[in-house]
Amino acid sequence: MTTIEAVTGGMRVSWVKPDSNSDEITAYRVEALLPSGLWSEICDGSKALVVTNQGCIIPMSTFWDGATYKKSYGDIVQFRVTAFNVNGWGKSSLPNTSGARVLTVPRTMNRPLRDTRTSDQ
């Protein structure tokens, strides 16, 4: 599931803990689909906070600043998640086909122009 995180404005990727066959999940691989059609790891799924919360927040700038994940306003970013435990890596989840969309950075508006029709009041 993807949502826009209220505090940072980043894209929050979250998932339901998969069946671990009674062994503790110790890491996740969180990948995003690149424009090339290849998958690329986008979040450090070995961090305890990511494992515990079953989610991570990716800064929105990741999608519109660099050439790697270059997306346009309104695009959906596809993610997939894979769990890891003592048995190794499990099967990857199906990629999301809906969810949060890429937003752009709010820009400061230009200063108003003064002319004969403007005043300070």
C-alpha atoms as a PDB file:
ATOM      1  CA  MET A   1       0.000   0.000   0.000  1.00  0.00           C
ATOM      2  CA  THR A   2       1.264   3.501  -0.743  1.00  0.00           C
ATOM      3  CA  THR A   3       0.104   6.717   0.879  1.00  0.00           C
ATOM      4  CA  ILE A   4       1.434  10.234   1.288  1.00  0.00           C
ATOM      5  CA  GLU A   5       2.991  10.619   4.738  1.00  0.00           C
ATOM      6  CA  ALA A   6       1.410  13.611   6.483  1.00  0.00           C
ATOM      7  CA  VAL A   7       4.475  14.994   8.272  1.00  0.00           C
ATOM      8  CA  THR A   8       7.165  14.779   5.568  1.00  0.00           C
ATOM      9  CA  GLY A   9       5.117  14.591   2.356  1.00  0.00           C
ATOM     10  CA  GLY A  10       7.097  11.503   1.383  1.00  0.00           C
ATOM     11  CA  MET A  11       5.652   8.348  -0.120  1.00  0.00           C
ATOM     12  CA  ARG A  12       4.928   5.766   2.571  1.00  0.00           C
ATOM     13  CA  VAL A  13       5.199   2.164   1.443  1.00  0.00           C
ATOM     14  CA  SER A  14       3.633  -0.325   3.851  1.00  0.00           C
ATOM     15  CA  TRP A  15       2.717  -3.986   3.743  1.00  0.00           C
ATOM     16  CA  VAL A  16       1.078  -6.768   5.685  1.00  0.00           C
ATOM     17  CA  LYS A  17       3.516  -9.174   7.305  1.00  0.00           C
ATOM     18  CA  PRO A  18       3.643 -12.320   5.160  1.00  0.00           C
ATOM     19  CA  ASP A  19       3.552 -15.877   6.489  1.00  0.00           C
ATOM     20  CA  SER A  20       7.037 -16.547   7.835  1.00  0.00           C
ATOM     21  CA  ASN A  21       6.620 -20.287   8.527  1.00  0.00           C
ATOM     22  CA  SER A  22       7.042 -19.551  12.264  1.00  0.00           C
ATOM     23  CA  ASP A  23      10.508 -18.001  11.768  1.00  0.00           C
ATOM     24  CA  GLU A  24      11.135 -14.349  12.570  1.00  0.00           C
ATOM     25  CA  ILE A  25      11.369 -11.980   9.608  1.00  0.00           C
ATOM     26  CA  THR A  26      14.619 -10.055   9.985  1.00  0.00           C
ATOM     27  CA  ALA A  27      14.628  -7.891   6.846  1.00  0.00           C
ATOM     28  CA  TYR A  28      12.615  -6.776   3.843  1.00  0.00           C
ATOM     29  CA  ARG A  29      13.666  -5.854   0.331  1.00  0.00           C
ATOM     30  CA  VAL A  30      11.604  -2.875  -0.859  1.00  0.00           C
ATOM     31  CA  GLU A  31      11.957  -2.224  -4.577  1.00  0.00           C
ATOM     32  CA  ALA A  32      10.552   0.323  -7.011  1.00  0.00           C
ATOM     33  CA  LEU A  33      10.028  -0.235 -10.717  1.00  0.00           C
ATOM     34  CA  LEU A  34      12.405   1.836 -12.837  1.00  0.00           C
ATOM     35  CA  PRO A  35      11.412   3.366 -16.193  1.00  0.00           C
ATOM     36  CA  SER A  36      13.680   0.718 -17.788  1.00  0.00           C
ATOM     37  CA  GLY A  37      11.431  -2.057 -16.456  1.00  0.00           C
ATOM     38  CA  LEU A  38      14.020  -3.238 -13.918  1.00  0.00           C
ATOM     39  CA  TRP A  39      13.458  -3.309 -10.151  1.00  0.00           C
ATOM     40  CA  SER A  40      15.730  -1.314  -7.832  1.00  0.00           C
ATOM     41  CA  GLU A  41      15.983  -1.397  -4.039  1.00  0.00           C
ATOM     42  CA  ILE A  42      14.716   1.921  -2.702  1.00  0.00           C
ATOM     43  CA  CYS A  43      14.534   1.474   1.067  1.00  0.00           C
ATOM     44  CA  ASP A  44      16.881  -0.120   3.613  1.00  0.00           C
ATOM     45  CA  GLY A  45      14.662  -2.977   4.735  1.00  0.00           C
ATOM     46  CA  SER A  46      17.241  -4.290   7.191  1.00  0.00           C
ATOM     47  CA  LYS A  47      16.637  -1.420   9.636  1.00  0.00           C
ATOM     48  CA  ALA A  48      14.802  -2.516  12.785  1.00  0.00           C
ATOM     49  CA  LEU A  49      12.265   0.312  12.452  1.00  0.00           C
ATOM     50  CA  VAL A  50      11.334  -0.779   8.917  1.00  0.00           C
ATOM     51  CA  VAL A  51      10.974  -4.427   9.996  1.00  0.00           C
ATOM     52  CA  THR A  52       8.910  -3.510  13.063  1.00  0.00           C
ATOM     53  CA  ASN A  53       6.659  -0.982  11.306  1.00  0.00           C
ATOM     54  CA  GLN A  54       6.410  -2.965   8.066  1.00  0.00           C
ATOM     55  CA  GLY A  55       6.913   0.196   6.106  1.00  0.00           C
ATOM     56  CA  CYS A  56       9.259   2.948   5.079  1.00  0.00           C
ATOM     57  CA  ILE A  57       8.992   6.516   3.842  1.00  0.00           C
ATOM     58  CA  ILE A  58      10.722   7.543   0.636  1.00  0.00           C
ATOM     59  CA  PRO A  59      11.239  11.295   0.135  1.00  0.00           C
ATOM     60  CA  MET A  60       9.126  12.599  -2.755  1.00  0.00           C
ATOM     61  CA  SER A  61      12.245  14.231  -4.200  1.00  0.00           C
ATOM     62  CA  THR A  62      13.553  10.722  -4.975  1.00  0.00           C
ATOM     63  CA  PHE A  63      11.053  10.510  -7.822  1.00  0.00           C
ATOM     64  CA  TRP A  64      11.500  13.900  -9.463  1.00  0.00           C
ATOM     65  CA  ASP A  65      15.078  14.921  -8.655  1.00  0.00           C
ATOM     66  CA  GLY A  66      17.219  12.151 -10.079  1.00  0.00           C
ATOM     67  CA  ALA A  67      17.481  10.321 -13.334  1.00  0.00           C
ATOM     68  CA  THR A  68      17.037   6.902 -11.683  1.00  0.00           C
ATOM     69  CA  TYR A  69      13.353   7.044 -10.714  1.00  0.00           C
ATOM     70  CA  LYS A  70      12.353  10.020 -12.883  1.00  0.00           C
ATOM     71  CA  LYS A  71       8.572  10.304 -12.639  1.00  0.00           C
ATOM     72  CA  SER A  72       6.061  12.964 -13.577  1.00  0.00           C
ATOM     73  CA  TYR A  73       3.385  14.620 -11.506  1.00  0.00           C
ATOM     74  CA  GLY A  74       0.501  12.191 -10.975  1.00  0.00           C
ATOM     75  CA  ASP A  75       2.444   9.008 -11.811  1.00  0.00           C
ATOM     76  CA  ILE A  76       1.962   5.964  -9.591  1.00  0.00           C
ATOM     77  CA  VAL A  77       5.217   4.400  -8.441  1.00  0.00           C
ATOM     78  CA  GLN A  78       5.079   0.619  -8.411  1.00  0.00           C
ATOM     79  CA  PHE A  79       6.659  -1.162  -5.446  1.00  0.00           C
ATOM     80  CA  ARG A  80       7.152  -4.769  -4.457  1.00  0.00           C
ATOM     81  CA  VAL A  81       8.334  -6.212  -1.143  1.00  0.00           C
ATOM     82  CA  THR A  82      10.191  -9.424  -0.290  1.00  0.00           C
ATOM     83  CA  ALA A  83      10.699 -10.793   3.243  1.00  0.00           C
ATOM     84  CA  PHE A  84      13.856 -12.426   4.616  1.00  0.00           C
ATOM     85  CA  ASN A  85      14.342 -14.860   7.516  1.00  0.00           C
ATOM     86  CA  VAL A  86      16.606 -17.825   8.376  1.00  0.00           C
ATOM     87  CA  ASN A  87      15.184 -19.683   5.375  1.00  0.00           C
ATOM     88  CA  GLY A  88      16.315 -16.959   2.951  1.00  0.00           C
ATOM     89  CA  TRP A  89      14.335 -14.600   0.745  1.00  0.00           C
ATOM     90  CA  GLY A  90      10.678 -15.353   0.189  1.00  0.00           C
ATOM     91  CA  LYS A  91       8.598 -14.707  -2.882  1.00  0.00           C
ATOM     92  CA  SER A  92       8.151 -11.046  -3.877  1.00  0.00           C
ATOM     93  CA  SER A  93       4.742  -9.471  -3.449  1.00  0.00           C
ATOM     94  CA  LEU A  94       2.747  -8.494  -6.484  1.00  0.00           C
ATOM     95  CA  PRO A  95       3.465  -4.858  -7.404  1.00  0.00           C
ATOM     96  CA  ASN A  96       0.875  -2.282  -6.426  1.00  0.00           C
ATOM     97  CA  THR A  97      -1.248  -0.958  -9.275  1.00  0.00           C
ATOM     98  CA  SER A  98      -2.850   1.898  -7.342  1.00  0.00           C
ATOM     99  CA  GLY A  99      -1.981   4.158  -4.455  1.00  0.00           C
ATOM    100  CA  ALA A 100      -0.207   7.428  -3.827  1.00  0.00           C
ATOM    101  CA  ARG A 101       0.822   9.512  -6.794  1.00  0.00           C
ATOM    102  CA  VAL A 102       3.963  11.567  -7.298  1.00  0.00           C
ATOM    103  CA  LEU A 103       3.596  15.168  -6.154  1.00  0.00           C
ATOM    104  CA  THR A 104       5.735  18.140  -7.056  1.00  0.00           C
ATOM    105  CA  VAL A 105       7.451  20.521  -4.687  1.00  0.00           C
ATOM    106  CA  PRO A 106       5.386  23.576  -3.833  1.00  0.00           C
ATOM    107  CA  ARG A 107       7.091  26.665  -5.201  1.00  0.00           C
ATOM    108  CA  THR A 108       7.021  30.160  -3.764  1.00  0.00           C
ATOM    109  CA  MET A 109       5.016  32.461  -5.972  1.00  0.00           C
ATOM    110  CA  ASN A 110       6.729  35.373  -7.681  1.00  0.00           C
ATOM    111  CA  ARG A 111       6.520  38.739  -5.990  1.00  0.00           C
ATOM    112  CA  PRO A 112       3.644  40.877  -7.273  1.00  0.00           C
ATOM    113  CA  LEU A 113       4.644  43.470  -9.819  1.00  0.00           C
ATOM    114  CA  ARG A 114       4.018  47.115  -9.090  1.00  0.00           C
ATOM    115  CA  ASP A 115       2.553  49.488 -11.622  1.00  0.00           C
ATOM    116  CA  THR A 116       0.224  52.503 -11.674  1.00  0.00           C
ATOM    117  CA  ARG A 117      -2.752  50.355 -10.604  1.00  0.00           C
ATOM    118  CA  THR A 118      -1.190  48.977  -7.376  1.00  0.00           C
ATOM    119  CA  SER A 119      -0.994  50.444  -3.888  1.00  0.00           C
ATOM    120  CA  ASP A 120       0.222  49.430  -0.415  1.00  0.00           C
ATOM    121  CA  GLN A 121      -3.359  49.162   0.932  1.00  0.00           C
END
